Protein backbone atom coordinates (compact mmCIF):
# COMPACT_ATOMS: atom_id res chain seq x y z
CA UNK A 1 -68.68 15.28 56.59
CA UNK A 2 -70.31 11.87 54.66
CA UNK A 3 -68.33 9.93 53.31
CA UNK A 4 -69.60 8.02 50.08
CA UNK A 5 -71.01 3.92 50.99
CA UNK A 6 -74.42 4.24 49.09
CA UNK A 7 -73.43 7.61 48.39
CA UNK A 8 -74.88 8.94 52.27
CA UNK A 9 -72.24 6.87 55.08
CA UNK A 10 -72.36 8.87 58.59
CA UNK A 11 -68.99 9.47 60.12
CA UNK A 12 -69.63 10.23 63.88
CA UNK A 13 -66.25 11.00 64.65
CA UNK A 14 -67.14 14.06 62.09
CA UNK A 15 -70.06 15.38 63.93
CA UNK A 16 -67.97 16.25 66.40
CA UNK A 17 -65.83 17.94 64.62
CA UNK A 18 -68.67 20.06 62.46
CA UNK A 19 -70.06 21.02 66.33
CA UNK A 20 -66.40 22.01 67.55
CA UNK A 21 -65.79 24.49 64.44
CA UNK A 22 -68.73 25.37 64.46
CA UNK A 23 -70.74 24.36 61.41
CA UNK A 24 -73.94 23.11 63.02
CA UNK A 25 -76.79 26.00 62.35
CA UNK A 26 -78.78 25.07 64.91
CA UNK A 27 -81.53 27.49 65.04
CA UNK A 28 -84.02 28.69 67.55
CA UNK A 29 -86.60 28.12 68.48
CA UNK A 30 -85.68 23.45 69.34
CA UNK A 31 -86.17 22.18 66.30
CA UNK A 32 -88.38 18.34 66.87
CA UNK A 33 -85.15 15.58 67.83
CA UNK A 34 -85.58 14.06 63.84
CA UNK A 35 -84.82 17.69 62.83
CA UNK A 36 -82.16 18.39 65.30
CA UNK A 37 -80.19 14.94 64.96
CA UNK A 38 -80.20 15.19 60.92
CA UNK A 39 -79.51 19.02 61.37
CA UNK A 40 -76.32 17.47 63.87
CA UNK A 41 -75.33 14.88 61.41
CA UNK A 42 -75.43 17.46 58.22
CA UNK A 43 -77.86 15.28 55.80
CA UNK A 44 -81.01 15.57 55.67
CA UNK A 45 -81.80 11.67 55.35
CA UNK A 46 -80.06 9.34 57.26
CA UNK A 47 -77.81 6.03 55.73
CA UNK A 48 -79.13 4.16 58.93
CA UNK A 49 -82.20 3.90 60.58
CA UNK A 50 -81.48 3.74 63.88
CA UNK A 51 -79.46 6.56 65.91
CA UNK A 52 -78.89 5.36 68.92
CA UNK A 53 -75.52 5.74 67.91
CA UNK A 54 -75.16 8.89 67.40
CA UNK A 55 -77.21 9.52 71.15
CA UNK A 56 -75.15 7.81 72.37
CA UNK A 57 -72.18 9.75 71.49
CA UNK A 58 -73.89 13.62 73.08
CA UNK A 59 -74.70 11.34 75.63
CA UNK A 60 -71.67 9.22 76.58
CA UNK A 61 -68.92 12.29 75.87
CA UNK A 62 -65.84 11.85 77.38
CA UNK A 63 -64.86 15.11 77.65
CA UNK A 64 -67.63 18.43 77.37
CA UNK A 65 -69.39 18.93 74.52
CA UNK A 66 -69.11 22.31 72.12
CA UNK A 67 -72.58 23.96 72.94
CA UNK A 68 -74.42 23.46 69.80
CA UNK A 69 -73.98 19.01 70.72
CA UNK A 70 -75.20 19.88 73.82
CA UNK A 71 -78.24 22.20 72.78
CA UNK A 72 -78.96 18.77 71.05
CA UNK A 73 -78.13 16.62 72.68
CA UNK A 74 -81.03 18.62 76.00
CA UNK A 75 -83.61 18.15 72.80
CA UNK A 76 -82.60 14.46 72.34
CA UNK A 77 -82.30 14.08 76.24
CA UNK A 78 -85.94 15.54 77.06
CA UNK A 79 -88.74 12.82 76.81
CA UNK A 80 -91.18 14.14 73.98
CA UNK A 81 -94.20 15.63 74.84
CA UNK A 82 -97.01 15.43 72.16
CA UNK A 83 -99.31 17.39 72.47
CA UNK A 84 -102.27 15.96 72.96
CA UNK A 85 -100.55 13.24 74.02
CA UNK A 86 -101.92 9.82 75.08
CA UNK A 87 -100.70 7.10 76.79
CA UNK A 88 -101.57 2.98 76.32
CA UNK A 89 -100.20 0.31 79.07
CA UNK A 90 -99.53 -2.86 77.90
CA UNK A 91 -100.95 -5.77 79.04
CA UNK A 92 -98.49 -7.10 81.39
CA UNK A 93 -97.61 -2.90 82.79
CA UNK A 94 -94.23 -3.13 81.54
CA UNK A 95 -94.11 -0.12 78.83
CA UNK A 96 -96.45 2.68 79.00
CA UNK A 97 -97.14 4.00 74.84
CA UNK A 98 -97.06 7.35 74.08
CA UNK A 99 -98.30 8.94 71.38
CA UNK A 100 -100.54 11.95 69.86
CA UNK A 101 -103.79 12.61 70.21
CA UNK A 102 -104.54 14.92 67.25
CA UNK A 103 -106.25 12.92 64.01
CA UNK A 104 -104.10 11.93 61.41
CA UNK A 105 -104.92 11.72 57.60
CA UNK A 106 -102.35 8.99 56.96
CA UNK A 107 -99.79 6.49 58.23
CA UNK A 108 -101.53 3.73 60.88
CA UNK A 109 -102.30 6.44 63.95
CA UNK A 110 -104.96 7.55 61.68
CA UNK A 111 -106.81 4.14 62.06
CA UNK A 112 -107.67 1.93 64.50
CA UNK A 113 -109.54 -1.74 62.47
CA UNK A 114 -110.07 -3.23 65.61
CA UNK A 115 -112.07 -0.75 67.35
CA UNK A 116 -111.17 -0.91 70.04
CA UNK A 117 -109.56 3.10 70.69
CA UNK A 118 -106.37 3.05 69.25
CA UNK A 119 -104.39 3.61 66.91
CA UNK A 120 -103.65 0.61 65.11
CA UNK A 121 -99.40 1.71 64.95
CA UNK A 122 -100.44 2.08 68.80
CA UNK A 123 -101.79 -1.37 69.46
CA UNK A 124 -99.22 -3.01 66.57
CA UNK A 125 -95.60 -1.16 68.67
CA UNK A 126 -97.61 -2.55 71.75
CA UNK A 127 -97.68 -6.59 70.50
CA UNK A 128 -94.01 -6.16 69.20
CA UNK A 129 -92.58 -4.48 72.91
CA UNK A 130 -94.61 -7.98 74.59
CA UNK A 131 -93.17 -9.80 72.18
CA UNK A 132 -89.64 -7.97 71.79
CA UNK A 133 -89.22 -8.69 75.97
CA UNK A 134 -89.83 -12.66 75.66
CA UNK A 135 -87.47 -12.84 73.11
CA UNK A 136 -84.47 -11.47 74.05
CA UNK A 137 -84.83 -12.26 77.99
CA UNK A 138 -87.39 -15.05 78.01
CA UNK A 139 -86.14 -17.19 75.09
CA UNK A 140 -82.48 -15.37 74.39
CA UNK A 141 -81.52 -14.24 78.60
CA UNK A 142 -80.65 -11.44 78.47
CA UNK A 143 -81.59 -8.98 81.26
CA UNK A 144 -85.20 -6.45 81.07
CA UNK A 145 -84.61 -3.92 78.97
CA UNK A 146 -85.54 -1.92 82.93
CA UNK A 147 -85.33 -3.65 86.16
CA UNK A 148 -88.61 -5.25 87.37
CA UNK A 149 -91.19 -2.92 88.53
CA UNK A 150 -89.56 0.33 86.64
CA UNK A 151 -92.17 0.68 82.99
CA UNK A 152 -90.23 1.51 79.63
CA UNK A 153 -91.99 5.04 78.30
CA UNK A 154 -92.04 4.02 74.74
CA UNK A 155 -92.79 7.55 71.89
CA UNK A 156 -94.33 7.70 69.14
CA UNK A 157 -93.52 10.92 67.34
CA UNK A 158 -93.03 12.00 63.22
CA UNK A 159 -88.35 11.44 63.00
CA UNK A 160 -88.62 11.27 59.28
CA UNK A 161 -85.29 11.62 57.92
CA UNK A 162 -85.37 7.54 56.89
CA UNK A 163 -85.15 7.31 61.25
CA UNK A 164 -87.49 4.65 62.63
CA UNK A 165 -85.86 4.80 65.96
CA UNK A 166 -83.08 5.81 69.02
CA UNK A 167 -83.09 4.78 72.56
CA UNK A 168 -81.34 7.77 75.15
CA UNK A 169 -79.74 6.05 78.61
CA UNK A 170 -80.44 6.07 81.77
CA UNK A 171 -78.87 9.44 83.49
CA UNK A 172 -78.73 10.17 86.99
CA UNK A 173 -82.18 11.43 87.39
CA UNK A 174 -84.06 10.39 84.13
CA UNK A 175 -84.95 6.38 83.58
CA UNK A 176 -84.48 5.88 80.21
CA UNK A 177 -86.84 5.26 77.36
CA UNK A 178 -87.26 4.70 73.63
CA UNK A 179 -88.00 6.94 70.88
CA UNK A 180 -90.10 5.31 67.77
CA UNK A 181 -91.42 7.19 64.23
CA UNK A 182 -95.13 7.75 64.29
CA UNK A 183 -94.87 6.70 60.95
CA UNK A 184 -93.57 3.39 60.50
CA UNK A 185 -94.89 0.45 58.13
CA UNK A 186 -96.60 -2.42 59.19
CA UNK A 187 -93.28 -3.80 58.15
CA UNK A 188 -90.79 -2.94 60.18
CA UNK A 189 -92.85 -2.22 63.30
CA UNK A 190 -91.34 -5.12 64.90
CA UNK A 191 -87.53 -4.27 63.41
CA UNK A 192 -87.73 -1.48 64.93
CA UNK A 193 -89.08 -1.81 68.42
CA UNK A 194 -87.07 -5.02 68.70
CA UNK A 195 -84.04 -2.63 67.69
CA UNK A 196 -84.69 -0.65 70.38
CA UNK A 197 -85.66 -2.27 73.10
CA UNK A 198 -82.48 -4.72 72.35
CA UNK A 199 -79.96 -1.06 72.79
CA UNK A 200 -81.67 -0.93 75.98
CA UNK A 201 -80.89 -4.83 77.17
CA UNK A 202 -77.43 -3.59 76.03
CA UNK A 203 -77.29 -0.26 78.28
CA UNK A 204 -78.63 -1.86 81.37
CA UNK A 205 -75.84 -4.62 80.81
CA UNK A 206 -73.22 -1.56 80.79
CA UNK A 207 -73.53 0.96 80.53
CA UNK A 208 -70.79 2.19 78.32
CA UNK A 209 -70.33 -0.09 76.12
CA UNK A 210 -68.69 0.54 72.26
CA UNK A 211 -71.21 1.69 70.10
CA UNK A 212 -70.16 -0.60 67.36
CA UNK A 213 -70.89 -2.95 69.77
CA UNK A 214 -73.45 -1.96 70.94
CA UNK A 215 -75.44 -1.26 67.31
CA UNK A 216 -73.10 -4.80 65.72
CA UNK A 217 -75.25 -6.55 68.28
CA UNK A 218 -78.38 -4.99 68.03
CA UNK A 219 -78.32 -5.58 64.74
CA UNK A 220 -77.93 -9.10 64.78
CA UNK A 221 -80.38 -9.25 67.87
CA UNK A 222 -82.98 -8.52 65.14
CA UNK A 223 -81.93 -10.12 62.69
CA UNK A 224 -82.21 -13.28 64.86
CA UNK A 225 -85.54 -12.42 65.51
CA UNK A 226 -87.22 -10.94 62.12
CA UNK A 227 -85.01 -13.36 59.57
CA UNK A 228 -84.87 -9.69 57.75
CA UNK A 229 -82.10 -9.42 56.06
CA UNK A 230 -82.23 -7.24 53.27
CA UNK A 231 -83.01 -4.46 55.77
CA UNK A 232 -79.55 -4.51 56.11
CA UNK A 233 -78.42 -5.24 53.25
CA UNK A 234 -76.39 -1.13 52.47
CA UNK A 235 -74.83 -2.44 55.76
CA UNK A 236 -73.27 -5.62 55.29
CA UNK A 237 -72.35 -4.68 51.56
CA UNK A 238 -70.08 -1.66 52.42
CA UNK A 239 -69.21 -4.23 56.07
CA UNK A 240 -68.49 -7.18 53.14
CA UNK A 241 -66.91 -4.42 50.80
CA UNK A 242 -64.74 -2.51 52.83
CA UNK A 243 -62.95 -5.21 55.24
CA UNK A 244 -59.33 -1.83 55.76
CA UNK A 245 -62.25 -0.59 58.31
CA UNK A 246 -62.17 -1.96 61.07
CA UNK A 247 -65.03 -3.76 63.44
CA UNK A 248 -64.99 -0.04 65.55
CA UNK A 249 -65.37 2.21 62.45
CA UNK A 250 -67.40 4.62 63.70
CA UNK A 251 -69.50 4.77 60.23
CA UNK A 252 -72.93 4.48 60.97
CA UNK A 253 -73.59 1.92 58.75
CA UNK A 254 -70.23 -0.42 59.26
CA UNK A 255 -71.67 -0.68 62.75
CA UNK A 256 -74.50 -2.03 61.63
CA UNK A 257 -72.82 -4.29 58.95
CA UNK A 258 -71.07 -5.34 61.78
CA UNK A 259 -73.65 -7.89 63.16
CA UNK A 260 -71.17 -9.74 60.85
CA UNK A 261 -68.98 -10.48 63.90
CA UNK A 262 -71.74 -11.97 66.41
CA UNK A 263 -73.47 -13.76 63.00
CA UNK A 264 -70.29 -15.77 62.96
CA UNK A 265 -69.21 -15.94 66.09
CA UNK A 266 -72.33 -17.45 67.70
CA UNK A 267 -72.88 -19.60 64.19
CA UNK A 268 -68.23 -20.57 64.20
CA UNK A 269 -68.69 -21.59 67.68
CA UNK A 270 -72.62 -23.69 67.17
CA UNK A 271 -73.90 -21.67 70.41
CA UNK A 272 -75.57 -18.05 69.98
CA UNK A 273 -75.32 -17.58 73.85
CA UNK A 274 -71.89 -17.03 73.06
CA UNK A 275 -72.89 -13.68 72.19
CA UNK A 276 -74.59 -13.05 75.43
CA UNK A 277 -71.36 -14.19 77.54
CA UNK A 278 -69.45 -11.78 76.25
CA UNK A 279 -71.20 -8.96 77.80
CA UNK A 280 -71.78 -11.02 80.62
CA UNK A 281 -68.35 -10.81 80.91
CA UNK A 282 -67.51 -6.97 79.81
CA UNK A 283 -70.70 -6.40 82.53
CA UNK A 284 -69.44 -8.40 85.65
CA UNK A 285 -65.11 -8.13 84.95
CA UNK A 286 -64.99 -4.48 83.46
CA UNK A 287 -63.78 -5.66 80.33
CA UNK A 288 -63.54 -4.09 77.24
CA UNK A 289 -65.07 -5.60 74.42
CA UNK A 290 -62.14 -6.95 72.81
CA UNK A 291 -60.84 -9.03 76.13
CA UNK A 292 -64.41 -10.06 77.49
CA UNK A 293 -64.27 -12.03 73.41
CA UNK A 294 -60.92 -13.22 73.98
CA UNK A 295 -61.95 -14.82 77.22
CA UNK A 296 -64.98 -16.03 75.61
CA UNK A 297 -63.67 -17.47 72.60
CA UNK A 298 -60.75 -19.71 74.95
CA UNK A 299 -63.66 -21.33 76.83
CA UNK A 300 -64.37 -22.81 72.82
CA UNK A 301 -60.95 -23.34 72.31
CA UNK A 302 -59.70 -20.09 69.77
CA UNK A 303 -58.02 -17.10 70.31
CA UNK A 304 -59.27 -13.28 69.20
CA UNK A 305 -57.19 -13.57 66.43
CA UNK A 306 -57.67 -17.28 65.30
CA UNK A 307 -61.40 -15.43 65.62
CA UNK A 308 -60.74 -12.88 63.71
CA UNK A 309 -58.63 -14.79 61.00
CA UNK A 310 -61.12 -17.04 60.42
CA UNK A 311 -63.89 -13.86 60.53
CA UNK A 312 -62.08 -12.76 57.44
CA UNK A 313 -61.89 -15.89 56.23
CA UNK A 314 -66.02 -16.86 56.67
CA UNK A 315 -66.08 -12.96 54.26
CA UNK A 316 -64.62 -14.81 50.97
CA UNK A 317 -67.44 -17.27 51.32
CA UNK A 318 -70.50 -14.81 50.84
CA UNK A 319 -73.15 -14.37 47.92
CA UNK A 320 -71.69 -15.91 44.85
CA UNK A 321 -68.87 -16.99 46.05
CA UNK A 322 -71.37 -19.23 48.91
CA UNK A 323 -69.83 -22.53 49.13
CA UNK A 324 -72.82 -23.71 52.16
CA UNK A 325 -69.73 -24.79 54.72
CA UNK A 326 -69.88 -20.54 56.29
CA UNK A 327 -72.72 -18.43 56.94
CA UNK A 328 -76.28 -20.27 56.92
CA UNK A 329 -77.02 -16.84 54.95
CA UNK A 330 -74.41 -16.75 52.88
CA UNK A 331 -75.53 -16.80 49.56
CA UNK A 332 -77.94 -14.27 50.97
CA UNK A 333 -75.56 -12.01 51.84
CA UNK A 334 -73.48 -9.43 49.92
CA UNK A 335 -70.43 -10.52 47.57
CA UNK A 336 -67.17 -9.91 49.69
CA UNK A 337 -64.11 -7.58 47.45
CA UNK A 338 -61.75 -9.36 46.20
CA UNK A 339 -59.53 -7.91 44.33
CA UNK A 340 -56.98 -9.64 41.69
CA UNK A 341 -53.25 -9.24 42.29
CA UNK A 342 -50.68 -10.91 39.62
CA UNK A 343 -51.15 -13.33 37.72
CA UNK A 344 -46.66 -12.30 37.29
CA UNK A 345 -44.71 -12.72 39.36
CA UNK A 346 -42.75 -11.08 41.35
CA UNK A 347 -45.53 -8.07 42.26
CA UNK A 348 -46.37 -6.07 45.40
CA UNK A 349 -49.25 -5.02 46.67
CA UNK A 350 -49.93 -2.23 48.84
CA UNK A 351 -53.62 -0.92 50.49
CA UNK A 352 -54.77 2.21 49.04
CA UNK A 353 -55.81 2.63 52.38
CA UNK A 354 -54.26 2.18 55.65
CA UNK A 355 -55.71 -0.81 57.47
CA UNK A 356 -57.59 -0.26 60.71
CA UNK A 357 -56.95 -2.38 63.85
CA UNK A 358 -59.30 -5.78 63.23
CA UNK A 359 -59.50 -4.86 59.59
CA UNK A 360 -58.17 -7.21 56.87
CA UNK A 361 -57.46 -7.27 52.82
CA UNK A 362 -58.68 -9.50 50.81
CA UNK A 363 -56.49 -10.37 46.95
CA UNK A 364 -57.04 -13.71 45.33
CA UNK A 365 -54.02 -15.03 43.16
CA UNK A 366 -54.95 -16.24 40.00
CA UNK A 367 -52.86 -19.99 39.77
CA UNK A 368 -51.37 -21.36 36.10
CA UNK A 369 -51.97 -24.65 36.59
CA UNK A 370 -47.71 -25.21 37.16
CA UNK A 371 -46.17 -26.80 40.12
CA UNK A 372 -44.03 -24.41 42.44
CA UNK A 373 -44.06 -22.46 45.93
CA UNK A 374 -45.16 -18.80 47.17
CA UNK A 375 -42.58 -16.94 48.57
CA UNK A 376 -45.11 -14.43 50.60
CA UNK A 377 -43.00 -10.65 52.63
CA UNK A 378 -45.40 -8.83 54.88
CA UNK A 379 -44.65 -5.49 56.11
CA UNK A 380 -46.20 -2.65 57.71
CA UNK A 381 -45.65 -0.05 60.21
CA UNK A 382 -47.51 -0.06 63.39
CA UNK A 383 -49.86 -3.07 64.81
CA UNK A 384 -49.21 -7.06 64.06
CA UNK A 385 -50.28 -8.02 60.65
CA UNK A 386 -51.19 -12.37 60.17
CA UNK A 387 -51.57 -12.50 56.21
CA UNK A 388 -53.49 -16.14 55.43
CA UNK A 389 -53.79 -18.33 52.09
CA UNK A 390 -56.94 -19.86 51.40
CA UNK A 391 -56.31 -22.17 48.72
CA UNK A 392 -59.58 -22.88 45.98
CA UNK A 393 -58.45 -25.88 44.40
CA UNK A 394 -58.90 -26.02 40.34
CA UNK A 395 -63.19 -27.08 39.34
CA UNK A 396 -64.29 -26.50 42.76
CA UNK A 397 -63.56 -29.94 43.79
CA UNK A 398 -62.47 -30.12 47.96
CA UNK A 399 -62.77 -28.10 50.73
CA UNK A 400 -61.17 -24.41 50.51
CA UNK A 401 -57.26 -25.81 52.64
CA UNK A 402 -56.67 -22.47 55.04
CA UNK A 403 -52.87 -21.91 55.18
CA UNK A 404 -51.43 -19.16 57.86
CA UNK A 405 -48.62 -17.16 56.35
CA UNK A 406 -47.40 -15.20 59.46
């Protein structure tokens, strides 16, 4: 199933459904990993460049997989074997880059500008791997993606289908590894490499972390290292324009766009370490992501519920509505959806779709200049709804005021 969101948003739950219903035509002989991912997803071009959430869906399934998905996992979980295969070990000895030895006619695998005997892509990926480890472990304090003394294998193969890479988690008899697209453009090497190293770093802390939280954090870390906001534009637009779909939604694009949540946590607290602390609490105390987030937030004088209400408000100050007081990148973010309600009163608002947990809905109530009071009645089926009033002053004078209603 593909739901319209940039016309090709992939829901991971639909993959299991399609597999169970026999709608995945995975034919023999075994296809390449990129083709397998596309067939399993039921799309030719992925909406997001990272396939790790889909790989984790199969590798960390809590229920027995349908046979066709088990076959897909066998392909994705096997280490690629280019024929002929060559290998280059990075200078620090922590990474081994495997690449096809057959000559190429285009791309960075076809050139060797420095004449060192290695394709330019291998050189660039090797540099990106070292930089990724230095940034994540040396600067931010995350653990390395693999234990000291264990080399991380990285495979360069043709993925296609709009994919840049994926990470395969540690299995009982197999160390984790990374697969990157052999057709990566020069300006995408750093982002693609760091993103997958971040995934394995997070998996080394919490092997069964929620897929959305892992993808959101990996995307947040990638943005922090590269500053390439443009690469996340489609995902961020869907996130701020689909507030009713909760943070844990299983859309591939929304998982990436959920990077706004760790970005908010870091900027609101003024401490980028807050995100790592959440992962540490998950790792050391075995807490679920929401409980770990709540525990950490209490050290900063907030609760998860408080923070999420502020998060929803912050998301109204994006794009054209940026006021310079919220996200540091607010002006560059897509403008959040804000539907008009009224102006005749009384009026009733019904959301077109149910609001998921950790989701929201926002409406603009235009003022008419008259003095008076506002009465609100909020009703919901299930959950614990909350409502806030964000007051903007006429002419833009004064700071907007956030007033809790329920």
